[in-house]
Every structure is written in C-alpha cells, then in structure tokens.
C-alpha cells in the first residue's frame, strides 16, 4: 500500500490548529480589553497568547508522537495454526 509523505510543514499545521481552536485566545482578548479599558500591562495579553500557542505546539507534538506509536509494525509471529503452517 502506498503511504503519503509524512513530512508536513510545521508552521502550516500550527496555523491550521490556530484557526481551528480560536477559543484559546479568549483570555488574551479579555486581557487586551482590560489593557485598553483599565490600563493593565499589555504583556499579560501577550503572555496569554503565547501560552495558547505553546499549548497548541505541545498538543501537536503529543498527537504526532501517538500517531507514530500507532503506526509501528508488529514483529512477525510464529504461525501456530496446523492447517496453514505448511507442515503435514
């Protein structure tokens, strides 16, 4: 069976994950609004957005690792079926 190439563009996958998971930016947006409204430091919003991106990267790595673990072939096993082993 033909297998697809496994080498994808990391930043393209990250961008797609960012588009699929925008709810992670809610704390950063709230902190940015509080920066504009109450004068809170803007680095809180930047930190929240950075933590969201770090979480996405860690999640991508975990899913990639799980995919590699699931696609490793099993070692060959001894055929114990007497009818198909070829011995008579």
N, C-alpha and C. Protein backbone atom coordinates (compact mmCIF):
# COMPACT_ATOMS: atom_id res chain seq x y z
N UNK A 1 0.84 -1.17 0.00
CA UNK A 1 0.00 0.00 0.00
C UNK A 1 0.89 1.24 0.00
N UNK A 2 0.52 2.18 -0.77
CA UNK A 2 1.29 3.41 -0.87
C UNK A 2 1.01 4.31 0.33
N UNK A 3 2.07 4.87 0.88
CA UNK A 3 1.93 5.76 2.03
C UNK A 3 2.21 7.19 1.59
N UNK A 4 1.50 8.08 2.21
CA UNK A 4 1.73 9.50 1.91
C UNK A 4 3.00 9.96 2.60
N UNK A 5 3.56 11.01 2.09
CA UNK A 5 4.75 11.57 2.75
C UNK A 5 4.37 12.09 4.12
N UNK A 6 5.21 11.85 5.09
CA UNK A 6 4.92 12.24 6.46
C UNK A 6 5.52 13.60 6.81
N UNK A 7 6.26 14.20 5.90
CA UNK A 7 6.91 15.46 6.20
C UNK A 7 5.99 16.60 5.82
N UNK A 8 5.36 17.19 6.83
CA UNK A 8 4.48 18.32 6.60
C UNK A 8 5.16 19.58 7.09
N UNK A 9 4.60 20.68 6.73
CA UNK A 9 5.12 21.96 7.16
C UNK A 9 4.59 22.25 8.56
N UNK A 10 5.50 22.40 9.53
CA UNK A 10 5.11 22.61 10.91
C UNK A 10 4.29 23.88 11.08
N UNK A 11 4.72 24.95 10.45
CA UNK A 11 4.02 26.23 10.61
C UNK A 11 2.65 26.22 9.94
N UNK A 12 2.51 25.49 8.85
CA UNK A 12 1.19 25.34 8.23
C UNK A 12 0.25 24.59 9.16
N UNK A 13 0.73 23.52 9.78
CA UNK A 13 -0.09 22.78 10.73
C UNK A 13 -0.44 23.63 11.94
N UNK A 14 0.51 24.43 12.41
CA UNK A 14 0.25 25.32 13.54
C UNK A 14 -0.80 26.36 13.17
N UNK A 15 -0.71 26.91 11.98
CA UNK A 15 -1.68 27.90 11.54
C UNK A 15 -3.08 27.29 11.44
N UNK A 16 -3.17 26.09 10.92
CA UNK A 16 -4.47 25.42 10.83
C UNK A 16 -5.03 25.14 12.22
N UNK A 17 -4.17 24.72 13.14
CA UNK A 17 -4.62 24.50 14.52
C UNK A 17 -5.07 25.79 15.17
N UNK A 18 -4.39 26.88 14.87
CA UNK A 18 -4.80 28.17 15.43
C UNK A 18 -6.16 28.59 14.89
N UNK A 19 -6.42 28.29 13.62
CA UNK A 19 -7.72 28.62 13.04
C UNK A 19 -8.83 27.72 13.56
N UNK A 20 -8.50 26.48 13.89
CA UNK A 20 -9.50 25.54 14.38
C UNK A 20 -9.77 25.69 15.87
N UNK A 21 -8.87 26.33 16.60
CA UNK A 21 -9.01 26.46 18.06
C UNK A 21 -8.92 27.91 18.50
N UNK A 22 -9.80 28.78 18.02
CA UNK A 22 -9.68 30.19 18.40
C UNK A 22 -10.14 30.48 19.83
N UNK A 23 -10.81 29.51 20.46
CA UNK A 23 -11.30 29.76 21.82
C UNK A 23 -10.15 29.91 22.82
N UNK A 24 -8.97 29.48 22.46
CA UNK A 24 -7.82 29.66 23.34
C UNK A 24 -7.37 31.10 23.44
N UNK A 25 -7.81 31.94 22.51
CA UNK A 25 -7.44 33.35 22.54
C UNK A 25 -8.37 34.20 23.40
N UNK A 26 -9.42 33.62 23.92
CA UNK A 26 -10.38 34.38 24.71
C UNK A 26 -9.72 35.08 25.91
N UNK A 27 -8.88 34.38 26.70
CA UNK A 27 -8.23 35.10 27.80
C UNK A 27 -7.33 36.24 27.33
N UNK A 28 -6.64 36.05 26.22
CA UNK A 28 -5.77 37.12 25.69
C UNK A 28 -6.60 38.32 25.24
N UNK A 29 -7.74 38.07 24.63
CA UNK A 29 -8.60 39.17 24.19
C UNK A 29 -9.17 39.91 25.39
N UNK A 30 -9.58 39.16 26.40
CA UNK A 30 -10.10 39.81 27.61
C UNK A 30 -9.01 40.67 28.27
N UNK A 31 -7.81 40.15 28.36
CA UNK A 31 -6.72 40.92 28.95
C UNK A 31 -6.36 42.13 28.09
N UNK A 32 -6.48 42.01 26.78
CA UNK A 32 -6.22 43.16 25.91
C UNK A 32 -7.29 44.23 26.09
N UNK A 33 -8.53 43.82 26.26
CA UNK A 33 -9.61 44.79 26.54
C UNK A 33 -9.37 45.47 27.88
N UNK A 34 -8.94 44.71 28.87
CA UNK A 34 -8.63 45.30 30.18
C UNK A 34 -7.43 46.24 30.09
N UNK A 35 -6.52 45.98 29.19
CA UNK A 35 -5.39 46.89 28.97
C UNK A 35 -5.89 48.23 28.43
N UNK A 36 -6.78 48.15 27.46
CA UNK A 36 -7.30 49.39 26.87
C UNK A 36 -8.21 50.12 27.86
N UNK A 37 -9.03 49.39 28.57
CA UNK A 37 -10.03 49.99 29.44
C UNK A 37 -9.46 50.47 30.78
N UNK A 38 -8.66 49.61 31.44
CA UNK A 38 -8.18 49.94 32.79
C UNK A 38 -6.69 50.24 32.85
N UNK A 39 -6.00 50.08 31.75
CA UNK A 39 -4.58 50.37 31.73
C UNK A 39 -3.70 49.27 32.28
N UNK A 40 -4.21 48.05 32.26
CA UNK A 40 -3.39 46.93 32.71
C UNK A 40 -2.22 46.75 31.75
N UNK A 41 -1.13 46.11 32.19
CA UNK A 41 0.01 45.89 31.28
C UNK A 41 -0.38 45.00 30.11
N UNK A 42 0.11 45.35 28.93
CA UNK A 42 -0.24 44.59 27.73
C UNK A 42 0.48 43.25 27.70
N UNK A 43 1.55 43.11 28.44
CA UNK A 43 2.30 41.85 28.39
C UNK A 43 1.49 40.70 28.98
N UNK A 44 0.46 40.99 29.79
CA UNK A 44 -0.41 39.92 30.26
C UNK A 44 -1.15 39.27 29.08
N UNK A 45 -1.62 40.09 28.16
CA UNK A 45 -2.31 39.57 26.98
C UNK A 45 -1.34 38.82 26.08
N UNK A 46 -0.14 39.34 25.94
CA UNK A 46 0.87 38.67 25.12
C UNK A 46 1.25 37.33 25.75
N UNK A 47 1.37 37.31 27.07
CA UNK A 47 1.70 36.07 27.78
C UNK A 47 0.58 35.04 27.60
N UNK A 48 -0.67 35.47 27.68
CA UNK A 48 -1.79 34.55 27.49
C UNK A 48 -1.80 33.99 26.06
N UNK A 49 -1.54 34.82 25.07
CA UNK A 49 -1.49 34.34 23.68
C UNK A 49 -0.30 33.40 23.48
N UNK A 50 0.82 33.71 24.10
CA UNK A 50 2.00 32.83 24.00
C UNK A 50 1.76 31.48 24.64
N UNK A 51 1.09 31.46 25.78
CA UNK A 51 0.76 30.19 26.42
C UNK A 51 -0.19 29.37 25.57
N UNK A 52 -1.12 30.05 24.89
CA UNK A 52 -2.04 29.34 23.99
C UNK A 52 -1.28 28.70 22.83
N UNK A 53 -0.34 29.44 22.24
CA UNK A 53 0.45 28.89 21.13
C UNK A 53 1.34 27.75 21.63
N UNK A 54 1.92 27.89 22.82
CA UNK A 54 2.74 26.82 23.39
C UNK A 54 1.90 25.58 23.64
N UNK A 55 0.67 25.77 24.13
CA UNK A 55 -0.23 24.63 24.34
C UNK A 55 -0.53 23.94 23.01
N UNK A 56 -0.77 24.70 21.95
CA UNK A 56 -1.05 24.10 20.64
C UNK A 56 0.15 23.31 20.13
N UNK A 57 1.34 23.83 20.33
CA UNK A 57 2.56 23.14 19.88
C UNK A 57 2.73 21.83 20.65
N UNK A 58 2.55 21.87 21.97
CA UNK A 58 2.67 20.66 22.77
C UNK A 58 1.61 19.63 22.38
N UNK A 59 0.39 20.09 22.09
CA UNK A 59 -0.68 19.18 21.67
C UNK A 59 -0.34 18.55 20.31
N UNK A 60 0.21 19.35 19.39
CA UNK A 60 0.60 18.82 18.08
C UNK A 60 1.69 17.76 18.24
N UNK A 61 2.65 18.01 19.11
CA UNK A 61 3.72 17.04 19.35
C UNK A 61 3.17 15.75 19.95
N UNK A 62 2.24 15.87 20.89
CA UNK A 62 1.65 14.69 21.52
C UNK A 62 0.88 13.86 20.51
N UNK A 63 0.08 14.49 19.69
CA UNK A 63 -0.70 13.77 18.68
C UNK A 63 0.23 13.14 17.64
N UNK A 64 1.29 13.86 17.24
CA UNK A 64 2.26 13.30 16.31
C UNK A 64 2.97 12.09 16.88
N UNK A 65 3.34 12.15 18.15
CA UNK A 65 4.00 11.03 18.81
C UNK A 65 3.05 9.83 18.89
N UNK A 66 1.79 10.08 19.24
CA UNK A 66 0.81 8.99 19.33
C UNK A 66 0.58 8.36 17.96
N UNK A 67 0.60 9.17 16.91
CA UNK A 67 0.44 8.63 15.56
C UNK A 67 1.61 7.76 15.16
N UNK A 68 2.82 8.16 15.55
CA UNK A 68 4.00 7.33 15.25
C UNK A 68 3.96 6.02 16.02
N UNK A 69 3.50 6.08 17.28
CA UNK A 69 3.43 4.85 18.09
C UNK A 69 2.40 3.89 17.52
N UNK A 70 1.32 4.41 17.01
CA UNK A 70 0.27 3.56 16.48
C UNK A 70 0.58 2.97 15.12
N UNK A 71 1.54 3.52 14.42
CA UNK A 71 1.82 3.03 13.07
C UNK A 71 3.07 2.16 13.00
N UNK A 72 3.66 1.79 14.13
CA UNK A 72 4.81 0.89 14.10
C UNK A 72 4.31 -0.53 13.84
N UNK A 73 4.97 -1.24 12.94
CA UNK A 73 4.51 -2.60 12.62
C UNK A 73 4.83 -3.57 13.76
N UNK A 74 3.96 -4.57 13.91
CA UNK A 74 4.18 -5.61 14.90
C UNK A 74 5.28 -6.56 14.42
N UNK A 75 6.06 -7.12 15.33
CA UNK A 75 7.07 -8.10 14.90
C UNK A 75 6.38 -9.36 14.38
N UNK A 76 7.01 -10.06 13.46
CA UNK A 76 6.38 -11.27 12.92
C UNK A 76 6.21 -12.32 14.03
N UNK A 77 5.07 -13.02 13.95
CA UNK A 77 4.76 -14.03 14.97
C UNK A 77 4.78 -15.42 14.34
N UNK A 78 5.03 -16.40 15.17
CA UNK A 78 5.06 -17.78 14.70
C UNK A 78 3.64 -18.23 14.38
N UNK A 79 3.48 -18.89 13.25
CA UNK A 79 2.19 -19.41 12.84
C UNK A 79 1.94 -20.73 13.55
N UNK A 80 0.95 -20.76 14.44
CA UNK A 80 0.67 -21.97 15.22
C UNK A 80 -0.54 -22.72 14.70
N UNK A 81 -1.10 -22.28 13.60
CA UNK A 81 -2.25 -22.96 13.00
C UNK A 81 -1.74 -24.19 12.26
N UNK A 82 -2.17 -25.39 12.64
CA UNK A 82 -1.64 -26.59 11.99
C UNK A 82 -2.12 -26.76 10.55
N UNK A 83 -3.19 -26.12 10.16
CA UNK A 83 -3.71 -26.30 8.81
C UNK A 83 -3.05 -25.35 7.81
N UNK A 84 -2.51 -24.25 8.27
CA UNK A 84 -1.91 -23.31 7.32
C UNK A 84 -0.41 -23.16 7.52
N UNK A 85 0.18 -23.95 8.38
CA UNK A 85 1.61 -23.80 8.64
C UNK A 85 2.46 -24.44 7.56
N UNK A 86 1.91 -25.30 6.73
CA UNK A 86 2.66 -25.93 5.65
C UNK A 86 3.29 -27.24 6.07
N UNK A 87 3.16 -27.63 7.30
CA UNK A 87 3.71 -28.91 7.78
C UNK A 87 2.58 -29.93 7.77
N UNK A 88 2.90 -31.15 7.36
CA UNK A 88 1.88 -32.19 7.40
C UNK A 88 2.36 -33.39 8.17
